Amino acid sequence: MSQKSGSLGRYFAIRLALAVPMVLILLTLVFFMMRVAPGDPVTASAGGAKMTAEQIEAKRHAAGFDRPLLSQYGDYLGDVIRGDFGTTISDHRPVMDIIVENGGATLTLTLAAMVVALGVGIPLGRLAGRWRDTPFDVATRLFGIVMYAAPAFVLGALAQLVVVKKLHWLDDSSLQASPLVQLNTPTKTHILIVDAMLAGDWDAVNDIFLHLILPAGTLGLIIAGVFIRVVRVNLIQTLRGDYVEAARARGIAEKSVVNRHAFRNALVAVTTVIGMQFAILLGGSVLTEKTFSWPGLGNQLINYLNARDYIAVQGIVTFIAVVVVGISILIDFVNALIDPRVRY
C-alpha cells in the first residue's frame, strides 16, 4: 500500500515539475510571436488618426516598446507570475478585467458544448463498437468524420440558415441573450445564466438557454466526432480482452459483458481524451463565438487582433494557455487515480 502511494506521489511530483518548462515554452512562444506579427500596435491604436513621429515615439516609450526585447520579456514573465496580463493599448483596459467580464460566456459555451459532445459521442461510439461493421456502425463513423472535419464557422452558418431562417424554430441565435435580458440581469458572477438564476428570473434563463442551443450544438457536435471514434475503438479493443472472453465462457449475458466489463474499462482510456478535448474547447471556441456574436474571450481576441493590440492578444492567449496546461495536469492526476497502470 505504501509502495503504491509513493509511486502515485512520485508521478504527481514529476508531472507538476514537467508543467513548469511547458508553461515557460508556451509563454515564450506567445511573447515572441506577438512581437514578430505584422502591424504596429501604437499606430493601429490611433484608429486612423494621423500622428507625428514624435507622438508615435512618445506612445512607444510610454508602453515600453522602445526597451530591449529581453527586458520586455523579463517584465512579461514577472507580470504573468503576479497574475497581471497587461493593459490593452487600444482601449486602456486591464486584460484581467476582460478575462473576468468575458470569461464567463466562454465557460458557459464550453460546458454546454461538452454536454452535447458527451451526450452524442459516447452513446453513438458505444453502439458503433458494439455493432461493429453493421450499417449503423458505418453511418455513425461517417457522421463522426463529417462532424469533426466540418469547419465551425461553416457548420454554425448552416445551423443558423436552417434552424432560424428556414425552419423558424428559434427567433434569434446571435449574442448570449436578448438585449433586454443582458441589460436587466444584475451581474454577480459574470456567468449570465447563473446570474439570471440567482435573480430568480426564469424567463431570462429560458431566453439565455435558447440562445445557447445553436452555438453549443455546433461546437459540441464537432467534438462529438472525436468521442465517437475514441469510444468505438477502445470498446472494440476491450471486447477482445481475455477477461471479456472469460466472462462470456462463464455464461454471462452479452449485454452484461458489454456494459459491466468492456464499456466501463474502455472509458478509462477515454478519460484523458475527454479532458484534453475540454481544454481544446475552452481555447478553440474562437470561430464559434465570432459566428454567433457570442461575447466570450474568443470574440474579444479577434477584435483585438483586428486592432493590432498585441498586449491584449498576448494577455488573453497567455491566460488560455495557462488554463489549458492546468486542465491537462488535472486530467493526468484523475487518470492516475483511476488507472493504477499510469505511473512513472
Protein backbone atom coordinates (compact mmCIF):
# COMPACT_ATOMS: atom_id res chain seq x y z
CA MET A 1 0.00 0.00 0.00
CA SER A 2 2.81 2.41 0.91
CA GLN A 3 4.71 1.48 -2.24
CA LYS A 4 1.68 2.27 -4.36
CA SER A 5 1.11 5.61 -2.60
CA GLY A 6 4.78 6.50 -3.06
CA SER A 7 4.59 5.67 -6.74
CA LEU A 8 1.49 7.79 -7.16
CA GLY A 9 3.05 10.69 -5.26
CA ARG A 10 6.17 10.44 -7.40
CA TYR A 11 4.03 10.58 -10.53
CA PHE A 12 2.24 13.72 -9.30
CA ALA A 13 5.52 15.42 -8.39
CA ILE A 14 7.14 14.67 -11.75
CA ARG A 15 4.03 15.77 -13.63
CA LEU A 16 3.98 19.10 -11.80
CA ALA A 17 7.70 19.57 -12.44
CA LEU A 18 7.24 18.91 -16.15
CA ALA A 19 4.48 21.51 -16.30
CA VAL A 20 6.91 24.33 -15.44
CA PRO A 21 9.01 24.15 -18.64
CA MET A 22 5.82 23.52 -20.62
CA VAL A 23 4.27 26.76 -19.39
CA LEU A 24 7.55 28.62 -19.91
CA ILE A 25 7.76 27.44 -23.53
CA LEU A 26 4.15 28.49 -24.15
CA LEU A 27 4.71 31.93 -22.64
CA THR A 28 7.89 32.39 -24.66
CA LEU A 29 6.17 31.43 -27.90
CA VAL A 30 3.27 33.79 -27.21
CA PHE A 31 5.59 36.71 -26.41
CA PHE A 32 7.87 36.43 -29.42
CA MET A 33 5.11 35.54 -31.91
CA MET A 34 3.28 38.71 -30.93
CA ARG A 35 6.46 40.74 -31.47
CA VAL A 36 7.09 39.40 -34.98
CA ALA A 37 3.44 39.75 -36.06
CA PRO A 38 2.85 42.35 -38.79
CA GLY A 39 1.44 45.74 -37.89
CA ASP A 40 2.31 48.37 -35.31
CA PRO A 41 0.03 48.42 -32.23
CA VAL A 42 0.79 52.07 -31.50
CA THR A 43 -0.32 53.41 -34.88
CA ALA A 44 -3.21 50.91 -35.02
CA SER A 45 -4.49 52.17 -31.67
CA ALA A 46 -4.84 55.65 -33.18
CA GLY A 47 -7.82 54.39 -35.21
CA GLY A 48 -6.71 56.01 -38.46
CA ALA A 49 -5.89 59.40 -36.95
CA LYS A 50 -2.67 60.95 -38.18
CA MET A 51 0.19 61.01 -35.70
CA THR A 52 3.54 62.70 -35.89
CA ALA A 53 6.75 60.75 -35.46
CA GLU A 54 7.24 62.39 -32.07
CA GLN A 55 3.77 61.31 -30.91
CA ILE A 56 4.36 57.75 -32.07
CA GLU A 57 7.70 57.63 -30.30
CA ALA A 58 6.17 59.05 -27.12
CA LYS A 59 3.47 56.38 -27.13
CA ARG A 60 6.04 53.65 -27.77
CA HIS A 61 8.12 54.92 -24.88
CA ALA A 62 5.08 55.07 -22.57
CA ALA A 63 4.20 51.48 -23.45
CA GLY A 64 7.81 50.33 -23.02
CA PHE A 65 8.17 49.16 -26.64
CA ASP A 66 11.45 51.02 -27.12
CA ARG A 67 13.14 48.96 -24.41
CA PRO A 68 15.39 45.95 -25.22
CA LEU A 69 13.37 42.88 -26.14
CA LEU A 70 14.85 40.76 -23.36
CA SER A 71 13.90 43.41 -20.80
CA GLN A 72 10.33 43.38 -22.10
CA TYR A 73 10.36 39.58 -21.95
CA GLY A 74 11.55 39.58 -18.32
CA ASP A 75 8.85 42.08 -17.33
CA TYR A 76 6.26 39.97 -19.15
CA LEU A 77 7.18 36.80 -17.25
CA GLY A 78 7.19 38.67 -13.95
CA ASP A 79 3.76 40.15 -14.64
CA VAL A 80 2.29 36.75 -15.56
CA ILE A 81 3.63 35.22 -12.32
CA ARG A 82 1.88 38.01 -10.41
CA GLY A 83 -1.35 37.44 -12.36
CA ASP A 84 -1.01 40.68 -14.31
CA PHE A 85 -1.71 40.13 -18.02
CA GLY A 86 -1.13 43.75 -19.03
CA THR A 87 -3.27 46.69 -20.14
CA THR A 88 -4.69 46.97 -23.65
CA ILE A 89 -3.31 49.60 -25.99
CA SER A 90 -6.49 50.31 -27.94
CA ASP A 91 -8.95 50.94 -25.08
CA HIS A 92 -6.66 51.03 -21.99
CA ARG A 93 -8.40 48.22 -20.10
CA PRO A 94 -6.67 45.72 -17.82
CA VAL A 95 -6.65 42.37 -19.60
CA MET A 96 -7.70 40.69 -16.36
CA ASP A 97 -10.91 42.75 -16.40
CA ILE A 98 -11.62 41.45 -19.91
CA ILE A 99 -10.98 37.88 -18.75
CA VAL A 100 -13.34 38.29 -15.79
CA GLU A 101 -16.11 40.00 -17.79
CA ASN A 102 -15.99 37.75 -20.88
CA GLY A 103 -14.60 34.52 -19.46
CA GLY A 104 -17.99 33.52 -18.05
CA ALA A 105 -19.52 33.49 -21.53
CA THR A 106 -16.70 31.29 -22.85
CA LEU A 107 -17.01 28.94 -19.87
CA THR A 108 -20.79 28.68 -20.39
CA LEU A 109 -20.35 27.81 -24.06
CA THR A 110 -17.57 25.33 -23.31
CA LEU A 111 -19.53 23.45 -20.63
CA ALA A 112 -22.70 23.33 -22.74
CA ALA A 113 -20.75 22.13 -25.78
CA MET A 114 -19.10 19.41 -23.69
CA VAL A 115 -22.52 18.21 -22.50
CA VAL A 116 -23.62 17.94 -26.15
CA ALA A 117 -20.39 16.19 -27.15
CA LEU A 118 -20.62 13.63 -24.35
CA GLY A 119 -24.36 13.11 -24.83
CA VAL A 120 -23.93 12.40 -28.54
CA GLY A 121 -20.42 10.99 -28.88
CA ILE A 122 -20.29 8.40 -26.09
CA PRO A 123 -23.65 6.64 -26.77
CA LEU A 124 -23.05 6.57 -30.54
CA GLY A 125 -19.46 5.36 -30.10
CA ARG A 126 -20.65 2.67 -27.73
CA LEU A 127 -23.33 1.41 -30.11
CA ALA A 128 -20.96 1.56 -33.09
CA GLY A 129 -18.36 -0.50 -31.21
CA ARG A 130 -20.99 -2.99 -30.04
CA TRP A 131 -22.42 -3.47 -33.55
CA ARG A 132 -19.15 -3.28 -35.42
CA ASP A 133 -19.22 -3.35 -39.27
CA THR A 134 -23.01 -3.08 -39.40
CA PRO A 135 -24.75 -0.35 -41.45
CA PHE A 136 -25.28 1.56 -38.19
CA ASP A 137 -21.55 1.43 -37.46
CA VAL A 138 -20.68 2.68 -40.96
CA ALA A 139 -23.22 5.51 -40.75
CA THR A 140 -22.03 6.52 -37.28
CA ARG A 141 -18.38 6.60 -38.34
CA LEU A 142 -19.26 8.67 -41.39
CA PHE A 143 -21.24 11.08 -39.22
CA GLY A 144 -18.31 11.43 -36.83
CA ILE A 145 -15.82 12.09 -39.64
CA VAL A 146 -18.05 14.72 -41.26
CA MET A 147 -18.70 16.49 -37.96
CA TYR A 148 -15.06 16.62 -36.95
CA ALA A 149 -13.91 17.73 -40.41
CA ALA A 150 -16.55 20.47 -40.76
CA PRO A 151 -15.22 23.99 -40.04
CA ALA A 152 -17.00 25.57 -37.08
CA PHE A 153 -17.96 28.72 -38.97
CA VAL A 154 -19.46 26.70 -41.85
CA LEU A 155 -21.44 24.42 -39.56
CA GLY A 156 -22.58 27.41 -37.50
CA ALA A 157 -23.69 29.37 -40.56
CA LEU A 158 -25.62 26.36 -41.88
CA ALA A 159 -27.28 25.87 -38.49
CA GLN A 160 -28.40 29.50 -38.45
CA LEU A 161 -29.66 29.28 -42.03
CA VAL A 162 -31.66 26.08 -41.50
CA VAL A 163 -32.87 26.39 -37.90
CA VAL A 164 -33.53 30.14 -37.77
CA LYS A 165 -34.19 31.25 -41.34
CA LYS A 166 -35.83 28.17 -42.89
CA LEU A 167 -37.50 26.25 -40.06
CA HIS A 168 -38.09 29.25 -37.73
CA TRP A 169 -37.52 27.04 -34.68
CA LEU A 170 -35.59 29.83 -32.95
CA ASP A 171 -36.23 33.55 -33.18
CA ASP A 172 -32.58 34.53 -32.83
CA SER A 173 -29.26 32.72 -32.44
CA SER A 174 -26.84 35.61 -32.02
CA LEU A 175 -25.48 37.06 -28.78
CA GLN A 176 -25.73 35.41 -25.38
CA ALA A 177 -29.27 36.59 -24.75
CA SER A 178 -31.77 39.20 -25.87
CA PRO A 179 -30.54 42.79 -25.33
CA LEU A 180 -33.12 43.49 -22.60
CA VAL A 181 -32.16 40.33 -20.71
CA GLN A 182 -28.47 41.24 -20.79
CA LEU A 183 -29.29 44.78 -19.67
CA ASN A 184 -31.68 43.89 -16.84
CA THR A 185 -29.87 40.88 -15.34
CA PRO A 186 -27.78 42.00 -12.34
CA THR A 187 -24.14 40.95 -12.64
CA LYS A 188 -22.82 38.88 -9.75
CA THR A 189 -20.78 36.02 -11.20
CA HIS A 190 -20.28 37.25 -14.81
CA ILE A 191 -21.94 33.98 -15.90
CA LEU A 192 -25.20 35.27 -17.34
CA ILE A 193 -27.34 32.16 -16.89
CA VAL A 194 -26.17 31.79 -13.27
CA ASP A 195 -26.86 35.48 -12.60
CA ALA A 196 -30.37 35.07 -14.02
CA MET A 197 -30.96 32.05 -11.76
CA LEU A 198 -29.72 33.94 -8.72
CA ALA A 199 -32.11 36.78 -9.60
CA GLY A 200 -34.99 34.30 -9.89
CA ASP A 201 -35.75 35.48 -13.44
CA TRP A 202 -36.71 32.21 -15.13
CA ASP A 203 -37.91 33.92 -18.30
CA ALA A 204 -34.38 35.27 -18.67
CA VAL A 205 -32.96 31.78 -18.01
CA ASN A 206 -35.15 30.38 -20.79
CA ASP A 207 -34.07 33.16 -23.16
CA ILE A 208 -30.37 32.51 -22.42
CA PHE A 209 -30.85 28.76 -22.89
CA LEU A 210 -32.50 29.27 -26.29
CA HIS A 211 -29.59 31.47 -27.40
CA LEU A 212 -27.17 28.78 -26.21
CA ILE A 213 -28.64 25.90 -28.23
CA LEU A 214 -27.08 26.60 -31.64
CA PRO A 215 -23.55 27.64 -30.62
CA ALA A 216 -23.27 24.83 -28.06
CA GLY A 217 -24.75 22.35 -30.52
CA THR A 218 -22.36 23.42 -33.28
CA LEU A 219 -19.25 23.18 -31.12
CA GLY A 220 -20.45 20.06 -29.32
CA LEU A 221 -21.16 18.08 -32.49
CA ILE A 222 -17.67 18.81 -33.78
CA ILE A 223 -16.09 17.36 -30.63
CA ALA A 224 -18.63 14.50 -30.62
CA GLY A 225 -16.95 13.27 -33.78
CA VAL A 226 -13.77 12.68 -31.77
CA PHE A 227 -15.59 10.90 -28.95
CA ILE A 228 -17.40 8.58 -31.38
CA ARG A 229 -14.12 7.35 -32.80
CA VAL A 230 -12.28 7.05 -29.47
CA VAL A 231 -15.09 5.24 -27.65
CA ARG A 232 -15.68 2.88 -30.59
CA VAL A 233 -12.01 1.93 -30.96
CA ASN A 234 -11.45 1.41 -27.23
CA LEU A 235 -14.63 -0.64 -26.84
CA ILE A 236 -13.64 -2.91 -29.74
CA GLN A 237 -10.20 -3.44 -28.20
CA THR A 238 -11.68 -4.12 -24.77
CA LEU A 239 -14.16 -6.65 -26.17
CA ARG A 240 -11.15 -8.67 -27.40
CA GLY A 241 -9.64 -8.89 -23.91
CA ASP A 242 -9.13 -12.22 -22.16
CA TYR A 243 -11.28 -11.25 -19.16
CA VAL A 244 -14.19 -10.49 -21.53
CA GLU A 245 -13.83 -13.90 -23.16
CA ALA A 246 -13.69 -15.46 -19.71
CA ALA A 247 -16.91 -13.67 -18.73
CA ARG A 248 -18.60 -15.00 -21.85
CA ALA A 249 -17.32 -18.51 -21.13
CA ARG A 250 -18.95 -18.35 -17.68
CA GLY A 251 -22.30 -17.81 -19.39
CA ILE A 252 -22.74 -14.14 -18.50
CA ALA A 253 -25.23 -12.43 -20.82
CA GLU A 254 -23.69 -10.45 -23.68
CA LYS A 255 -25.42 -7.25 -22.60
CA SER A 256 -23.89 -7.54 -19.14
CA VAL A 257 -20.48 -8.35 -20.62
CA VAL A 258 -20.56 -5.21 -22.75
CA ASN A 259 -21.96 -2.88 -20.08
CA ARG A 260 -20.28 -4.07 -16.88
CA HIS A 261 -16.96 -5.31 -18.19
CA ALA A 262 -16.00 -3.92 -21.60
CA PHE A 263 -17.60 -0.48 -21.65
CA ARG A 264 -16.51 0.58 -18.15
CA ASN A 265 -12.92 -0.43 -18.82
CA ALA A 266 -12.97 1.26 -22.22
CA LEU A 267 -13.93 4.55 -20.55
CA VAL A 268 -10.67 4.57 -18.57
CA ALA A 269 -8.73 5.24 -21.77
CA VAL A 270 -11.34 7.78 -22.88
CA THR A 271 -10.96 9.93 -19.74
CA THR A 272 -7.75 11.55 -20.96
CA VAL A 273 -9.27 12.34 -24.34
CA ILE A 274 -12.33 13.92 -22.70
CA GLY A 275 -10.13 16.17 -20.57
CA MET A 276 -7.96 17.29 -23.46
CA GLN A 277 -10.98 17.97 -25.65
CA PHE A 278 -12.42 20.12 -22.87
CA ALA A 279 -9.19 22.11 -22.87
CA ILE A 280 -9.35 22.41 -26.65
CA LEU A 281 -12.97 23.57 -26.41
CA LEU A 282 -12.00 26.24 -23.90
CA GLY A 283 -9.28 27.62 -26.13
CA GLY A 284 -10.69 26.80 -29.52
CA SER A 285 -14.18 28.31 -29.49
CA VAL A 286 -12.97 31.45 -31.29
CA LEU A 287 -14.68 30.81 -34.62
CA THR A 288 -17.91 29.64 -33.00
CA GLU A 289 -18.07 32.76 -30.82
CA LYS A 290 -17.47 35.01 -33.81
CA THR A 291 -20.07 33.19 -35.93
CA PHE A 292 -22.77 33.62 -33.26
CA SER A 293 -21.55 37.01 -31.92
CA TRP A 294 -21.02 35.26 -28.59
CA PRO A 295 -19.43 37.74 -26.15
CA GLY A 296 -16.64 35.47 -24.95
CA LEU A 297 -12.86 35.60 -24.90
CA GLY A 298 -12.61 34.26 -28.44
CA ASN A 299 -14.73 37.07 -29.84
CA GLN A 300 -12.69 39.63 -27.92
CA LEU A 301 -9.48 38.03 -29.14
CA ILE A 302 -10.47 38.54 -32.78
CA ASN A 303 -11.46 42.15 -32.09
CA TYR A 304 -8.08 42.90 -30.56
CA LEU A 305 -6.30 41.10 -33.38
CA ASN A 306 -8.05 43.39 -35.85
CA ALA A 307 -6.94 46.37 -33.75
CA ARG A 308 -3.31 45.08 -33.76
CA ASP A 309 -3.43 45.29 -29.97
CA TYR A 310 -0.89 42.60 -29.21
CA ILE A 311 -0.80 43.35 -25.49
CA ALA A 312 -4.47 42.34 -25.30
CA VAL A 313 -3.92 39.36 -27.62
CA GLN A 314 -0.83 38.33 -25.67
CA GLY A 315 -2.68 38.51 -22.35
CA ILE A 316 -5.76 36.56 -23.49
CA VAL A 317 -3.72 33.86 -25.26
CA THR A 318 -1.42 33.56 -22.24
CA PHE A 319 -4.37 33.10 -19.90
CA ILE A 320 -5.94 30.45 -22.13
CA ALA A 321 -2.61 28.63 -22.49
CA VAL A 322 -2.07 28.52 -18.73
CA VAL A 323 -5.63 27.24 -18.18
CA VAL A 324 -5.18 24.52 -20.82
CA VAL A 325 -1.94 23.35 -19.17
CA GLY A 326 -3.70 23.34 -15.78
CA ILE A 327 -6.56 21.24 -17.14
CA SER A 328 -4.13 18.77 -18.74
CA ILE A 329 -2.36 18.32 -15.39
CA LEU A 330 -5.68 17.80 -13.60
CA ILE A 331 -6.73 15.18 -16.14
CA ASP A 332 -3.40 13.37 -15.72
CA PHE A 333 -4.00 13.27 -11.96
CA VAL A 334 -7.52 11.92 -12.37
CA ASN A 335 -6.33 9.35 -14.88
CA ALA A 336 -3.60 8.20 -12.49
CA LEU A 337 -6.12 7.82 -9.67
CA ILE A 338 -8.49 5.62 -11.68
CA ASP A 339 -5.85 3.63 -13.59
CA PRO A 340 -3.04 2.10 -11.49
CA ARG A 341 -1.01 1.44 -14.66
CA VAL A 342 -0.38 5.18 -15.12
CA ARG A 343 2.90 5.67 -13.24
CA TYR A 344 6.44 6.78 -13.94
